[in-house]
């Protein structure tokens, strides 16, 4: 059985979220009660307007390089996508725990934004996005959208140990995308919940499953 202290832990929040989100703080408190540090970087990096997937990947990679133990990433939504992309080639990442991971994020944006909206975004340079951490509309540069298509967000090859929680009522990231992922990764487990994208209904159950998963030998 793996020991909890065998790993370094990093939590990656979702798009237009922040380290003070309910799920991030819940997991931090639970780890703290066990005497374990959960590091939660602010992926807004003091400038949400210039956010890109590339910038976030580089930011987390710099953090990972400073870790002294094997790593477990916990990622929510876009943070789940970032976790999976990083784990694809960084073998020091031993396990990933994904909360409604935003697989195929580029395609989700493509189908949900109209041509008129995209043209306006491109012409003006910025679009107002509601930021759940700031609790207000915040401008986001058009480069965010273009940058999504520079990264593989669906066809993952590494079959590492993965635990996924996904709500069956998720209308932001369909659970079908997580179901597709586990078909290609026999070491991934999907737990479907009677919940939406927030996954806030039964975090205690998610925590108990998480601890059991971490303690399993890969």
C-alpha atoms as a PDB file:
ATOM      1  CA  UNK A   1       0.000   0.000   0.000  1.00  0.00           C
ATOM      2  CA  UNK A   2       1.311   3.435  -0.925  1.00  0.00           C
ATOM      3  CA  UNK A   3       1.763   5.950   1.881  1.00  0.00           C
ATOM      4  CA  UNK A   4       0.166   9.371   1.536  1.00  0.00           C
ATOM      5  CA  UNK A   5       3.483  10.940   2.464  1.00  0.00           C
ATOM      6  CA  UNK A   6       5.169   9.283  -0.516  1.00  0.00           C
ATOM      7  CA  UNK A   7       3.924  12.031  -2.855  1.00  0.00           C
ATOM      8  CA  UNK A   8       3.823  15.749  -3.479  1.00  0.00           C
ATOM      9  CA  UNK A   9       0.299  17.020  -4.220  1.00  0.00           C
ATOM     10  CA  UNK A  10      -0.786  19.842  -6.510  1.00  0.00           C
ATOM     11  CA  UNK A  11      -4.382  20.972  -7.081  1.00  0.00           C
ATOM     12  CA  UNK A  12      -5.190  22.739 -10.356  1.00  0.00           C
ATOM     13  CA  UNK A  13      -8.376  24.797 -10.390  1.00  0.00           C
ATOM     14  CA  UNK A  14     -10.594  25.264 -13.396  1.00  0.00           C
ATOM     15  CA  UNK A  15     -11.063  27.983 -16.002  1.00  0.00           C
ATOM     16  CA  UNK A  16     -12.189  31.341 -14.586  1.00  0.00           C
ATOM     17  CA  UNK A  17     -11.823  29.920 -11.087  1.00  0.00           C
ATOM     18  CA  UNK A  18      -9.228  30.449  -8.364  1.00  0.00           C
ATOM     19  CA  UNK A  19      -7.458  28.753  -5.415  1.00  0.00           C
ATOM     20  CA  UNK A  20     -10.212  29.840  -3.006  1.00  0.00           C
ATOM     21  CA  UNK A  21     -12.872  27.796  -4.803  1.00  0.00           C
ATOM     22  CA  UNK A  22     -14.995  25.460  -2.704  1.00  0.00           C
ATOM     23  CA  UNK A  23     -13.489  22.232  -4.036  1.00  0.00           C
ATOM     24  CA  UNK A  24      -9.918  23.483  -3.804  1.00  0.00           C
ATOM     25  CA  UNK A  25     -10.371  24.581  -0.209  1.00  0.00           C
ATOM     26  CA  UNK A  26     -12.184  21.355   0.689  1.00  0.00           C
ATOM     27  CA  UNK A  27      -9.313  19.207  -0.530  1.00  0.00           C
ATOM     28  CA  UNK A  28      -6.721  21.475   1.073  1.00  0.00           C
ATOM     29  CA  UNK A  29      -8.474  21.191   4.446  1.00  0.00           C
ATOM     30  CA  UNK A  30      -8.737  17.408   4.178  1.00  0.00           C
ATOM     31  CA  UNK A  31      -5.073  17.014   3.335  1.00  0.00           C
ATOM     32  CA  UNK A  32      -4.145  19.461   6.089  1.00  0.00           C
ATOM     33  CA  UNK A  33      -5.988  17.331   8.646  1.00  0.00           C
ATOM     34  CA  UNK A  34      -3.639  14.502   7.661  1.00  0.00           C
ATOM     35  CA  UNK A  35      -0.595  16.718   7.990  1.00  0.00           C
ATOM     36  CA  UNK A  36      -0.065  16.897   4.224  1.00  0.00           C
ATOM     37  CA  UNK A  37       0.460  20.043   2.167  1.00  0.00           C
ATOM     38  CA  UNK A  38      -1.705  20.480  -0.911  1.00  0.00           C
ATOM     39  CA  UNK A  39      -0.224  23.162  -3.125  1.00  0.00           C
ATOM     40  CA  UNK A  40      -2.816  25.192  -5.047  1.00  0.00           C
ATOM     41  CA  UNK A  41      -1.244  27.605  -7.537  1.00  0.00           C
ATOM     42  CA  UNK A  42      -3.244  30.535  -8.870  1.00  0.00           C
ATOM     43  CA  UNK A  43      -3.447  29.739 -12.571  1.00  0.00           C
ATOM     44  CA  UNK A  44      -4.770  33.243 -13.256  1.00  0.00           C
ATOM     45  CA  UNK A  45      -1.186  34.306 -12.505  1.00  0.00           C
ATOM     46  CA  UNK A  46      -2.287  37.870 -11.698  1.00  0.00           C
ATOM     47  CA  UNK A  47      -3.452  38.445 -15.283  1.00  0.00           C
ATOM     48  CA  UNK A  48      -6.534  36.510 -16.363  1.00  0.00           C
ATOM     49  CA  UNK A  49      -6.818  38.667 -19.475  1.00  0.00           C
ATOM     50  CA  UNK A  50      -3.676  37.076 -20.950  1.00  0.00           C
ATOM     51  CA  UNK A  51      -4.512  33.521 -19.875  1.00  0.00           C
ATOM     52  CA  UNK A  52      -3.651  30.688 -22.263  1.00  0.00           C
ATOM     53  CA  UNK A  53      -3.393  26.946 -21.894  1.00  0.00           C
ATOM     54  CA  UNK A  54       0.290  27.201 -22.816  1.00  0.00           C
ATOM     55  CA  UNK A  55       0.937  29.701 -20.030  1.00  0.00           C
ATOM     56  CA  UNK A  56      -0.754  27.480 -17.469  1.00  0.00           C
ATOM     57  CA  UNK A  57       1.154  24.394 -18.607  1.00  0.00           C
ATOM     58  CA  UNK A  58       4.443  26.258 -18.303  1.00  0.00           C
ATOM     59  CA  UNK A  59       3.487  27.626 -14.898  1.00  0.00           C
ATOM     60  CA  UNK A  60       2.672  24.201 -13.482  1.00  0.00           C
ATOM     61  CA  UNK A  61       5.712  22.601 -15.122  1.00  0.00           C
ATOM     62  CA  UNK A  62       7.932  25.075 -13.264  1.00  0.00           C
ATOM     63  CA  UNK A  63       6.283  24.061 -10.000  1.00  0.00           C
ATOM     64  CA  UNK A  64       6.684  20.366 -10.776  1.00  0.00           C
ATOM     65  CA  UNK A  65      10.395  20.803 -11.413  1.00  0.00           C
ATOM     66  CA  UNK A  66      10.816  21.961  -7.812  1.00  0.00           C
ATOM     67  CA  UNK A  67       9.060  18.915  -6.326  1.00  0.00           C
ATOM     68  CA  UNK A  68      11.218  16.390  -4.506  1.00  0.00           C
ATOM     69  CA  UNK A  69       8.814  13.443  -4.518  1.00  0.00           C
ATOM     70  CA  UNK A  70       6.665  11.660  -7.095  1.00  0.00           C
ATOM     71  CA  UNK A  71       3.646  13.812  -7.894  1.00  0.00           C
ATOM     72  CA  UNK A  72      -0.102  13.404  -7.754  1.00  0.00           C
ATOM     73  CA  UNK A  73      -2.105  16.036  -9.604  1.00  0.00           C
ATOM     74  CA  UNK A  74      -5.704  16.840  -8.716  1.00  0.00           C
ATOM     75  CA  UNK A  75      -7.349  18.827 -11.478  1.00  0.00           C
ATOM     76  CA  UNK A  76     -10.790  20.373 -11.799  1.00  0.00           C
ATOM     77  CA  UNK A  77     -12.296  20.975 -15.258  1.00  0.00           C
ATOM     78  CA  UNK A  78      -9.583  22.800 -17.241  1.00  0.00           C
ATOM     79  CA  UNK A  79      -7.219  21.904 -14.420  1.00  0.00           C
ATOM     80  CA  UNK A  80      -8.030  18.277 -15.166  1.00  0.00           C
ATOM     81  CA  UNK A  81      -7.079  18.770 -18.791  1.00  0.00           C
ATOM     82  CA  UNK A  82      -3.821  20.442 -17.748  1.00  0.00           C
ATOM     83  CA  UNK A  83      -3.088  17.527 -15.408  1.00  0.00           C
ATOM     84  CA  UNK A  84      -3.605  14.988 -18.163  1.00  0.00           C
ATOM     85  CA  UNK A  85      -1.527  16.877 -20.729  1.00  0.00           C
ATOM     86  CA  UNK A  86       1.374  17.251 -18.284  1.00  0.00           C
ATOM     87  CA  UNK A  87       1.188  13.617 -17.202  1.00  0.00           C
ATOM     88  CA  UNK A  88       1.429  12.481 -20.797  1.00  0.00           C
ATOM     89  CA  UNK A  89       5.192  13.051 -20.870  1.00  0.00           C
ATOM     90  CA  UNK A  90       6.237  13.815 -17.292  1.00  0.00           C
ATOM     91  CA  UNK A  91       6.852  10.414 -15.745  1.00  0.00           C
ATOM     92  CA  UNK A  92       7.313  11.898 -12.283  1.00  0.00           C
ATOM     93  CA  UNK A  93       3.540  12.391 -12.264  1.00  0.00           C
ATOM     94  CA  UNK A  94       2.401   9.019 -10.937  1.00  0.00           C
ATOM     95  CA  UNK A  95      -1.343   9.481 -10.573  1.00  0.00           C
ATOM     96  CA  UNK A  96      -4.007  11.972 -11.582  1.00  0.00           C
ATOM     97  CA  UNK A  97      -7.348  12.689  -9.940  1.00  0.00           C
ATOM     98  CA  UNK A  98      -9.711  14.504 -12.269  1.00  0.00           C
ATOM     99  CA  UNK A  99     -12.908  16.365 -11.407  1.00  0.00           C
ATOM    100  CA  UNK A 100     -15.075  16.783 -14.508  1.00  0.00           C
ATOM    101  CA  UNK A 101     -11.968  17.118 -16.704  1.00  0.00           C
ATOM    102  CA  UNK A 102     -12.339  19.392 -19.729  1.00  0.00           C
ATOM    103  CA  UNK A 103     -11.206  16.892 -22.333  1.00  0.00           C
ATOM    104  CA  UNK A 104     -11.571  18.149 -25.924  1.00  0.00           C
ATOM    105  CA  UNK A 105     -11.766  21.702 -24.622  1.00  0.00           C
ATOM    106  CA  UNK A 106     -10.892  23.187 -27.993  1.00  0.00           C
ATOM    107  CA  UNK A 107     -13.898  21.504 -29.590  1.00  0.00           C
ATOM    108  CA  UNK A 108     -16.195  22.464 -26.726  1.00  0.00           C
ATOM    109  CA  UNK A 109     -15.326  26.108 -27.315  1.00  0.00           C
ATOM    110  CA  UNK A 110     -15.624  25.731 -31.083  1.00  0.00           C
ATOM    111  CA  UNK A 111     -19.180  24.427 -30.962  1.00  0.00           C
ATOM    112  CA  UNK A 112     -20.424  26.768 -28.239  1.00  0.00           C
ATOM    113  CA  UNK A 113     -19.296  30.071 -29.622  1.00  0.00           C
ATOM    114  CA  UNK A 114     -21.099  31.555 -32.599  1.00  0.00           C
ATOM    115  CA  UNK A 115     -19.305  32.899 -35.652  1.00  0.00           C
ATOM    116  CA  UNK A 116     -20.499  36.397 -34.764  1.00  0.00           C
ATOM    117  CA  UNK A 117     -19.140  36.096 -31.225  1.00  0.00           C
ATOM    118  CA  UNK A 118     -15.841  34.745 -32.501  1.00  0.00           C
ATOM    119  CA  UNK A 119     -15.529  37.521 -35.088  1.00  0.00           C
ATOM    120  CA  UNK A 120     -16.240  40.162 -32.456  1.00  0.00           C
ATOM    121  CA  UNK A 121     -13.699  38.574 -30.131  1.00  0.00           C
ATOM    122  CA  UNK A 122     -11.072  38.544 -32.871  1.00  0.00           C
ATOM    123  CA  UNK A 123     -11.784  42.103 -34.017  1.00  0.00           C
ATOM    124  CA  UNK A 124     -11.803  43.678 -30.551  1.00  0.00           C
ATOM    125  CA  UNK A 125      -9.041  41.487 -29.158  1.00  0.00           C
ATOM    126  CA  UNK A 126     -10.931  40.743 -25.953  1.00  0.00           C
ATOM    127  CA  UNK A 127     -14.191  39.145 -24.818  1.00  0.00           C
ATOM    128  CA  UNK A 128     -15.819  39.545 -21.414  1.00  0.00           C
ATOM    129  CA  UNK A 129     -15.889  36.276 -19.495  1.00  0.00           C
ATOM    130  CA  UNK A 130     -17.594  35.826 -16.144  1.00  0.00           C
ATOM    131  CA  UNK A 131     -14.876  34.945 -13.648  1.00  0.00           C
ATOM    132  CA  UNK A 132     -16.244  32.919 -10.733  1.00  0.00           C
ATOM    133  CA  UNK A 133     -13.362  33.883  -8.459  1.00  0.00           C
ATOM    134  CA  UNK A 134     -13.574  37.606  -9.142  1.00  0.00           C
ATOM    135  CA  UNK A 135     -17.382  37.426  -9.349  1.00  0.00           C
ATOM    136  CA  UNK A 136     -17.517  39.764 -12.318  1.00  0.00           C
ATOM    137  CA  UNK A 137     -17.043  39.897 -16.075  1.00  0.00           C
ATOM    138  CA  UNK A 138     -13.348  39.995 -16.916  1.00  0.00           C
ATOM    139  CA  UNK A 139     -11.744  40.550 -20.349  1.00  0.00           C
ATOM    140  CA  UNK A 140      -9.955  37.601 -21.935  1.00  0.00           C
ATOM    141  CA  UNK A 141      -7.684  37.973 -24.964  1.00  0.00           C
ATOM    142  CA  UNK A 142      -8.533  36.197 -28.225  1.00  0.00           C
ATOM    143  CA  UNK A 143      -5.189  34.366 -28.036  1.00  0.00           C
ATOM    144  CA  UNK A 144      -6.765  32.120 -25.392  1.00  0.00           C
ATOM    145  CA  UNK A 145      -9.044  30.613 -28.029  1.00  0.00           C
ATOM    146  CA  UNK A 146      -6.319  30.255 -30.665  1.00  0.00           C
ATOM    147  CA  UNK A 147      -3.940  28.657 -28.189  1.00  0.00           C
ATOM    148  CA  UNK A 148      -6.365  25.861 -27.299  1.00  0.00           C
ATOM    149  CA  UNK A 149      -5.850  24.348 -30.738  1.00  0.00           C
ATOM    150  CA  UNK A 150      -2.082  24.119 -30.271  1.00  0.00           C
ATOM    151  CA  UNK A 151      -2.444  21.288 -27.754  1.00  0.00           C
ATOM    152  CA  UNK A 152      -3.620  17.692 -27.941  1.00  0.00           C
ATOM    153  CA  UNK A 153      -6.647  17.519 -25.681  1.00  0.00           C
ATOM    154  CA  UNK A 154      -8.216  14.189 -26.616  1.00  0.00           C
ATOM    155  CA  UNK A 155      -5.808  11.519 -27.855  1.00  0.00           C
ATOM    156  CA  UNK A 156      -3.775  10.598 -24.782  1.00  0.00           C
ATOM    157  CA  UNK A 157      -1.425   7.629 -24.949  1.00  0.00           C
ATOM    158  CA  UNK A 158      -0.026   7.203 -21.443  1.00  0.00           C
ATOM    159  CA  UNK A 159      -1.946   4.644 -19.427  1.00  0.00           C
ATOM    160  CA  UNK A 160      -1.238   5.986 -15.972  1.00  0.00           C
ATOM    161  CA  UNK A 161      -3.346   5.482 -12.906  1.00  0.00           C
ATOM    162  CA  UNK A 162      -6.285   7.895 -13.047  1.00  0.00           C
ATOM    163  CA  UNK A 163      -9.428   8.457 -10.981  1.00  0.00           C
ATOM    164  CA  UNK A 164     -12.178  10.556 -12.559  1.00  0.00           C
ATOM    165  CA  UNK A 165     -15.302  12.019 -10.989  1.00  0.00           C
ATOM    166  CA  UNK A 166     -17.907  13.285 -13.440  1.00  0.00           C
ATOM    167  CA  UNK A 167     -21.530  14.345 -12.988  1.00  0.00           C
ATOM    168  CA  UNK A 168     -24.162  12.763 -15.183  1.00  0.00           C
ATOM    169  CA  UNK A 169     -25.934  16.151 -15.405  1.00  0.00           C
ATOM    170  CA  UNK A 170     -22.810  18.060 -16.461  1.00  0.00           C
ATOM    171  CA  UNK A 171     -23.869  20.449 -19.243  1.00  0.00           C
ATOM    172  CA  UNK A 172     -20.463  22.166 -19.436  1.00  0.00           C
ATOM    173  CA  UNK A 173     -18.257  19.141 -20.124  1.00  0.00           C
ATOM    174  CA  UNK A 174     -20.304  16.070 -21.101  1.00  0.00           C
ATOM    175  CA  UNK A 175     -19.532  12.921 -19.139  1.00  0.00           C
ATOM    176  CA  UNK A 176     -19.207  11.141 -22.497  1.00  0.00           C
ATOM    177  CA  UNK A 177     -15.754  12.715 -22.865  1.00  0.00           C
ATOM    178  CA  UNK A 178     -14.542  11.041 -19.677  1.00  0.00           C
ATOM    179  CA  UNK A 179     -16.136   7.803 -20.845  1.00  0.00           C
ATOM    180  CA  UNK A 180     -14.104   8.062 -24.044  1.00  0.00           C
ATOM    181  CA  UNK A 181     -10.904   8.604 -22.076  1.00  0.00           C
ATOM    182  CA  UNK A 182     -11.272   5.500 -19.913  1.00  0.00           C
ATOM    183  CA  UNK A 183     -11.800   3.357 -23.024  1.00  0.00           C
ATOM    184  CA  UNK A 184      -8.206   4.095 -24.031  1.00  0.00           C
ATOM    185  CA  UNK A 185      -6.750   3.864 -20.528  1.00  0.00           C
ATOM    186  CA  UNK A 186      -7.373   0.581 -18.678  1.00  0.00           C
ATOM    187  CA  UNK A 187      -5.780   2.099 -15.572  1.00  0.00           C
ATOM    188  CA  UNK A 188      -8.428   4.817 -15.350  1.00  0.00           C
ATOM    189  CA  UNK A 189     -11.545   4.566 -13.224  1.00  0.00           C
ATOM    190  CA  UNK A 190     -14.624   6.711 -13.791  1.00  0.00           C
ATOM    191  CA  UNK A 191     -17.027   7.416 -10.958  1.00  0.00           C
ATOM    192  CA  UNK A 192     -20.244   8.943 -12.263  1.00  0.00           C
ATOM    193  CA  UNK A 193     -22.196  11.063  -9.805  1.00  0.00           C
ATOM    194  CA  UNK A 194     -25.731  12.442  -9.651  1.00  0.00           C
ATOM    195  CA  UNK A 195     -24.380  15.955 -10.032  1.00  0.00           C
ATOM    196  CA  UNK A 196     -23.565  18.741 -12.465  1.00  0.00           C
ATOM    197  CA  UNK A 197     -20.227  20.324 -13.409  1.00  0.00           C
ATOM    198  CA  UNK A 198     -19.701  21.743  -9.927  1.00  0.00           C
ATOM    199  CA  UNK A 199     -19.482  18.288  -8.297  1.00  0.00           C
ATOM    200  CA  UNK A 200     -20.401  19.877  -4.996  1.00  0.00           C
ATOM    201  CA  UNK A 201     -23.067  17.467  -3.776  1.00  0.00           C
ATOM    202  CA  UNK A 202     -20.934  14.794  -2.092  1.00  0.00           C
ATOM    203  CA  UNK A 203     -17.341  15.885  -1.687  1.00  0.00           C
ATOM    204  CA  UNK A 204     -16.915  13.615   1.335  1.00  0.00           C
ATOM    205  CA  UNK A 205     -17.532  10.571  -0.833  1.00  0.00           C
ATOM    206  CA  UNK A 206     -15.098  11.918  -3.422  1.00  0.00           C
ATOM    207  CA  UNK A 207     -12.520  12.423  -0.689  1.00  0.00           C
ATOM    208  CA  UNK A 208     -12.883   8.873   0.617  1.00  0.00           C
ATOM    209  CA  UNK A 209     -12.506   7.481  -2.898  1.00  0.00           C
ATOM    210  CA  UNK A 210      -9.494   9.733  -3.441  1.00  0.00           C
ATOM    211  CA  UNK A 211      -7.674   8.495  -0.336  1.00  0.00           C
ATOM    212  CA  UNK A 212      -8.298   4.867  -1.272  1.00  0.00           C
ATOM    213  CA  UNK A 213      -7.045   5.541  -4.798  1.00  0.00           C
ATOM    214  CA  UNK A 214      -3.855   7.217  -3.583  1.00  0.00           C
ATOM    215  CA  UNK A 215      -3.085   4.332  -1.245  1.00  0.00           C
ATOM    216  CA  UNK A 216      -3.486   1.721  -3.966  1.00  0.00           C
ATOM    217  CA  UNK A 217      -0.231   0.504  -5.452  1.00  0.00           C
ATOM    218  CA  UNK A 218       0.000   1.431  -9.121  1.00  0.00           C
END
